[in-house]
Amino acid sequence: MKTSLQISFLFVMIAALLVACSPGDSQKQAAVGEPFELQAGEAVSVGDGEFLVSVVVFGEDSRCPMNALCIDAGQAAVRLSVNGEEMELALGLDEQKSGLALDGGYTLQLLEINPFPGSPDAEAGAPQSARLVVSAN
């Protein structure tokens, strides 16, 4: 009886250790004014948790590929969720679409969408990521 109790205790301890050591859905953190990078499905808590920013999906990417001659520079877009509200930011001809005013006197700015079309990373199939920053006005 004592041996089976010890074995049971050992299994419980091993299970607890595995749960504690397993990679969880740890959420990224960023300070206000600190750029951060997200891929689709990832989220970051900005500041003291004022903003939860996540990438919902990447949209069009019609930017002129590296080392190509294009008539139009094109644009790249990303759909984000900020505190549960979906919005779209884009890089390209209309620079007003790259930033968005947030509650409390903050701004969310889209800095980059990577990989850039025609780059070695794009050719290698690297996942898309958005580089963003939340700044105080």
C-alpha atoms as a PDB file:
ATOM      1  CA  MET A   1       0.000   0.000   0.000  1.00  0.00           C
ATOM      2  CA  LYS A   2       2.789   2.387   0.922  1.00  0.00           C
ATOM      3  CA  THR A   3       4.621   1.629  -2.374  1.00  0.00           C
ATOM      4  CA  SER A   4       1.542   2.326  -4.530  1.00  0.00           C
ATOM      5  CA  LEU A   5       1.025   5.620  -2.682  1.00  0.00           C
ATOM      6  CA  GLN A   6       4.632   6.575  -3.339  1.00  0.00           C
ATOM      7  CA  ILE A   7       4.317   5.659  -7.019  1.00  0.00           C
ATOM      8  CA  SER A   8       1.101   7.688  -7.311  1.00  0.00           C
ATOM      9  CA  PHE A   9       2.792  10.650  -5.635  1.00  0.00           C
ATOM     10  CA  LEU A  10       5.736  10.303  -8.033  1.00  0.00           C
ATOM     11  CA  PHE A  11       3.405  10.362 -11.082  1.00  0.00           C
ATOM     12  CA  VAL A  12       1.607  13.445  -9.753  1.00  0.00           C
ATOM     13  CA  MET A  13       4.939  15.228  -9.235  1.00  0.00           C
ATOM     14  CA  ILE A  14       6.163  14.312 -12.734  1.00  0.00           C
ATOM     15  CA  ALA A  15       2.893  15.541 -14.287  1.00  0.00           C
ATOM     16  CA  ALA A  16       3.115  18.823 -12.364  1.00  0.00           C
ATOM     17  CA  LEU A  17       6.715  19.295 -13.482  1.00  0.00           C
ATOM     18  CA  LEU A  18       5.801  18.658 -17.129  1.00  0.00           C
ATOM     19  CA  VAL A  19       2.957  21.182 -16.989  1.00  0.00           C
ATOM     20  CA  ALA A  20       5.196  23.789 -15.340  1.00  0.00           C
ATOM     21  CA  CYS A  21       7.970  23.315 -17.914  1.00  0.00           C
ATOM     22  CA  SER A  22       5.822  23.060 -21.035  1.00  0.00           C
ATOM     23  CA  PRO A  23       5.718  26.099 -23.315  1.00  0.00           C
ATOM     24  CA  GLY A  24       2.497  27.968 -22.729  1.00  0.00           C
ATOM     25  CA  ASP A  25       0.793  30.758 -24.576  1.00  0.00           C
ATOM     26  CA  SER A  26       3.061  33.335 -23.021  1.00  0.00           C
ATOM     27  CA  GLN A  27       2.021  36.740 -24.215  1.00  0.00           C
ATOM     28  CA  LYS A  28       4.548  39.226 -25.495  1.00  0.00           C
ATOM     29  CA  GLN A  29       5.025  42.505 -23.637  1.00  0.00           C
ATOM     30  CA  ALA A  30       6.105  45.889 -25.018  1.00  0.00           C
ATOM     31  CA  ALA A  31       6.562  49.302 -23.485  1.00  0.00           C
ATOM     32  CA  VAL A  32       4.883  52.393 -24.913  1.00  0.00           C
ATOM     33  CA  GLY A  33       7.271  53.804 -27.530  1.00  0.00           C
ATOM     34  CA  GLU A  34       9.020  50.423 -27.989  1.00  0.00           C
ATOM     35  CA  PRO A  35       8.600  48.872 -31.469  1.00  0.00           C
ATOM     36  CA  PHE A  36       7.414  45.261 -31.510  1.00  0.00           C
ATOM     37  CA  GLU A  37       6.943  42.619 -34.189  1.00  0.00           C
ATOM     38  CA  LEU A  38       3.985  40.265 -34.581  1.00  0.00           C
ATOM     39  CA  GLN A  39       3.053  37.445 -36.912  1.00  0.00           C
ATOM     40  CA  ALA A  40      -0.538  36.387 -37.676  1.00  0.00           C
ATOM     41  CA  GLY A  41      -2.225  35.107 -34.521  1.00  0.00           C
ATOM     42  CA  GLU A  42       0.319  36.628 -32.127  1.00  0.00           C
ATOM     43  CA  ALA A  43      -0.553  39.266 -29.533  1.00  0.00           C
ATOM     44  CA  VAL A  44       1.319  41.805 -27.434  1.00  0.00           C
ATOM     45  CA  SER A  45       0.291  43.645 -24.293  1.00  0.00           C
ATOM     46  CA  VAL A  46       1.495  47.245 -24.506  1.00  0.00           C
ATOM     47  CA  GLY A  47       2.338  49.404 -21.504  1.00  0.00           C
ATOM     48  CA  ASP A  48       0.649  48.350 -18.294  1.00  0.00           C
ATOM     49  CA  GLY A  49      -1.900  46.338 -20.252  1.00  0.00           C
ATOM     50  CA  GLU A  50      -3.701  49.398 -21.672  1.00  0.00           C
ATOM     51  CA  PHE A  51      -3.645  47.878 -25.151  1.00  0.00           C
ATOM     52  CA  LEU A  52      -3.779  44.305 -26.388  1.00  0.00           C
ATOM     53  CA  VAL A  53      -2.676  44.308 -30.045  1.00  0.00           C
ATOM     54  CA  SER A  54      -2.862  41.234 -32.270  1.00  0.00           C
ATOM     55  CA  VAL A  55      -2.524  40.502 -35.969  1.00  0.00           C
ATOM     56  CA  VAL A  56      -5.731  39.036 -37.370  1.00  0.00           C
ATOM     57  CA  VAL A  57      -4.604  38.594 -40.988  1.00  0.00           C
ATOM     58  CA  PHE A  58      -2.266  40.108 -43.537  1.00  0.00           C
ATOM     59  CA  GLY A  59      -4.029  41.653 -46.519  1.00  0.00           C
ATOM     60  CA  GLU A  60      -2.814  42.624 -49.937  1.00  0.00           C
ATOM     61  CA  ASP A  61       0.855  43.130 -50.588  1.00  0.00           C
ATOM     62  CA  SER A  62       1.193  44.819 -53.954  1.00  0.00           C
ATOM     63  CA  ARG A  63       4.504  46.559 -53.183  1.00  0.00           C
ATOM     64  CA  CYS A  64       6.981  46.693 -56.024  1.00  0.00           C
ATOM     65  CA  PRO A  65       9.404  43.767 -55.547  1.00  0.00           C
ATOM     66  CA  MET A  66      13.068  44.438 -54.836  1.00  0.00           C
ATOM     67  CA  ASN A  67      15.163  45.063 -57.956  1.00  0.00           C
ATOM     68  CA  ALA A  68      12.066  45.559 -60.114  1.00  0.00           C
ATOM     69  CA  LEU A  69      10.914  48.616 -62.034  1.00  0.00           C
ATOM     70  CA  CYS A  70       7.277  49.458 -61.317  1.00  0.00           C
ATOM     71  CA  ILE A  71       4.953  52.252 -62.321  1.00  0.00           C
ATOM     72  CA  ASP A  72       3.293  52.204 -58.889  1.00  0.00           C
ATOM     73  CA  ALA A  73       4.947  51.584 -55.503  1.00  0.00           C
ATOM     74  CA  GLY A  74       1.941  49.525 -54.349  1.00  0.00           C
ATOM     75  CA  GLN A  75       0.916  48.956 -50.763  1.00  0.00           C
ATOM     76  CA  ALA A  76       0.811  46.331 -48.025  1.00  0.00           C
ATOM     77  CA  ALA A  77      -1.997  45.985 -45.465  1.00  0.00           C
ATOM     78  CA  VAL A  78      -2.580  44.205 -42.185  1.00  0.00           C
ATOM     79  CA  ARG A  79      -5.809  43.713 -40.205  1.00  0.00           C
ATOM     80  CA  LEU A  80      -5.247  44.149 -36.468  1.00  0.00           C
ATOM     81  CA  SER A  81      -7.285  43.761 -33.317  1.00  0.00           C
ATOM     82  CA  VAL A  82      -6.729  46.391 -30.640  1.00  0.00           C
ATOM     83  CA  ASN A  83      -8.560  45.638 -27.401  1.00  0.00           C
ATOM     84  CA  GLY A  84     -10.996  43.506 -29.401  1.00  0.00           C
ATOM     85  CA  GLU A  85     -11.740  46.136 -32.076  1.00  0.00           C
ATOM     86  CA  GLU A  86     -10.604  45.259 -35.600  1.00  0.00           C
ATOM     87  CA  MET A  87      -8.898  47.858 -37.782  1.00  0.00           C
ATOM     88  CA  GLU A  88      -6.677  47.950 -40.849  1.00  0.00           C
ATOM     89  CA  LEU A  89      -3.363  49.719 -41.325  1.00  0.00           C
ATOM     90  CA  ALA A  90      -1.426  49.951 -44.593  1.00  0.00           C
ATOM     91  CA  LEU A  91       1.901  51.087 -45.942  1.00  0.00           C
ATOM     92  CA  GLY A  92       2.104  52.668 -49.352  1.00  0.00           C
ATOM     93  CA  LEU A  93       0.941  55.741 -51.152  1.00  0.00           C
ATOM     94  CA  ASP A  94      -1.496  56.986 -48.496  1.00  0.00           C
ATOM     95  CA  GLU A  95       0.675  57.496 -45.401  1.00  0.00           C
ATOM     96  CA  GLN A  96      -2.411  58.436 -43.346  1.00  0.00           C
ATOM     97  CA  LYS A  97      -3.417  54.752 -43.379  1.00  0.00           C
ATOM     98  CA  SER A  98      -0.228  53.745 -41.537  1.00  0.00           C
ATOM     99  CA  GLY A  99      -1.249  55.307 -38.212  1.00  0.00           C
ATOM    100  CA  LEU A 100      -4.303  55.287 -35.996  1.00  0.00           C
ATOM    101  CA  ALA A 101      -5.338  57.300 -32.953  1.00  0.00           C
ATOM    102  CA  LEU A 102      -6.118  55.197 -29.873  1.00  0.00           C
ATOM    103  CA  ASP A 103      -7.945  56.057 -26.653  1.00  0.00           C
ATOM    104  CA  GLY A 104      -6.095  58.012 -23.987  1.00  0.00           C
ATOM    105  CA  GLY A 105      -3.879  60.048 -26.308  1.00  0.00           C
ATOM    106  CA  TYR A 106      -1.943  57.191 -27.930  1.00  0.00           C
ATOM    107  CA  THR A 107      -1.159  56.361 -31.554  1.00  0.00           C
ATOM    108  CA  LEU A 108      -0.614  52.957 -33.164  1.00  0.00           C
ATOM    109  CA  GLN A 109       1.819  53.161 -36.087  1.00  0.00           C
ATOM    110  CA  LEU A 110       2.627  50.485 -38.669  1.00  0.00           C
ATOM    111  CA  LEU A 111       6.373  50.708 -39.349  1.00  0.00           C
ATOM    112  CA  GLU A 112       7.045  47.723 -41.627  1.00  0.00           C
ATOM    113  CA  ILE A 113       5.564  44.584 -43.099  1.00  0.00           C
ATOM    114  CA  ASN A 114       8.130  41.882 -43.757  1.00  0.00           C
ATOM    115  CA  PRO A 115       9.357  40.113 -45.738  1.00  0.00           C
ATOM    116  CA  PHE A 116       9.536  42.635 -48.556  1.00  0.00           C
ATOM    117  CA  PRO A 117       8.437  41.176 -51.922  1.00  0.00           C
ATOM    118  CA  GLY A 118      11.360  39.844 -53.935  1.00  0.00           C
ATOM    119  CA  SER A 119      13.680  39.717 -50.905  1.00  0.00           C
ATOM    120  CA  PRO A 120      15.622  36.526 -50.092  1.00  0.00           C
ATOM    121  CA  ASP A 121      13.367  36.017 -47.028  1.00  0.00           C
ATOM    122  CA  ALA A 122      10.235  36.255 -49.196  1.00  0.00           C
ATOM    123  CA  GLU A 123      11.722  33.842 -51.735  1.00  0.00           C
ATOM    124  CA  ALA A 124      12.497  31.417 -48.882  1.00  0.00           C
ATOM    125  CA  GLY A 125       8.865  31.535 -47.716  1.00  0.00           C
ATOM    126  CA  ALA A 126       9.448  33.408 -44.441  1.00  0.00           C
ATOM    127  CA  PRO A 127       6.204  34.149 -42.565  1.00  0.00           C
ATOM    128  CA  GLN A 128       4.840  37.659 -42.728  1.00  0.00           C
ATOM    129  CA  SER A 129       5.285  39.945 -39.754  1.00  0.00           C
ATOM    130  CA  ALA A 130       4.255  43.480 -38.895  1.00  0.00           C
ATOM    131  CA  ARG A 131       6.518  45.885 -36.993  1.00  0.00           C
ATOM    132  CA  LEU A 132       4.397  48.307 -34.952  1.00  0.00           C
ATOM    133  CA  VAL A 133       4.723  50.839 -32.166  1.00  0.00           C
ATOM    134  CA  VAL A 134       2.253  52.429 -29.727  1.00  0.00           C
ATOM    135  CA  SER A 135       3.334  55.971 -28.855  1.00  0.00           C
ATOM    136  CA  ALA A 136       2.018  58.611 -26.478  1.00  0.00           C
ATOM    137  CA  ASN A 137       0.899  61.774 -28.304  1.00  0.00           C
END
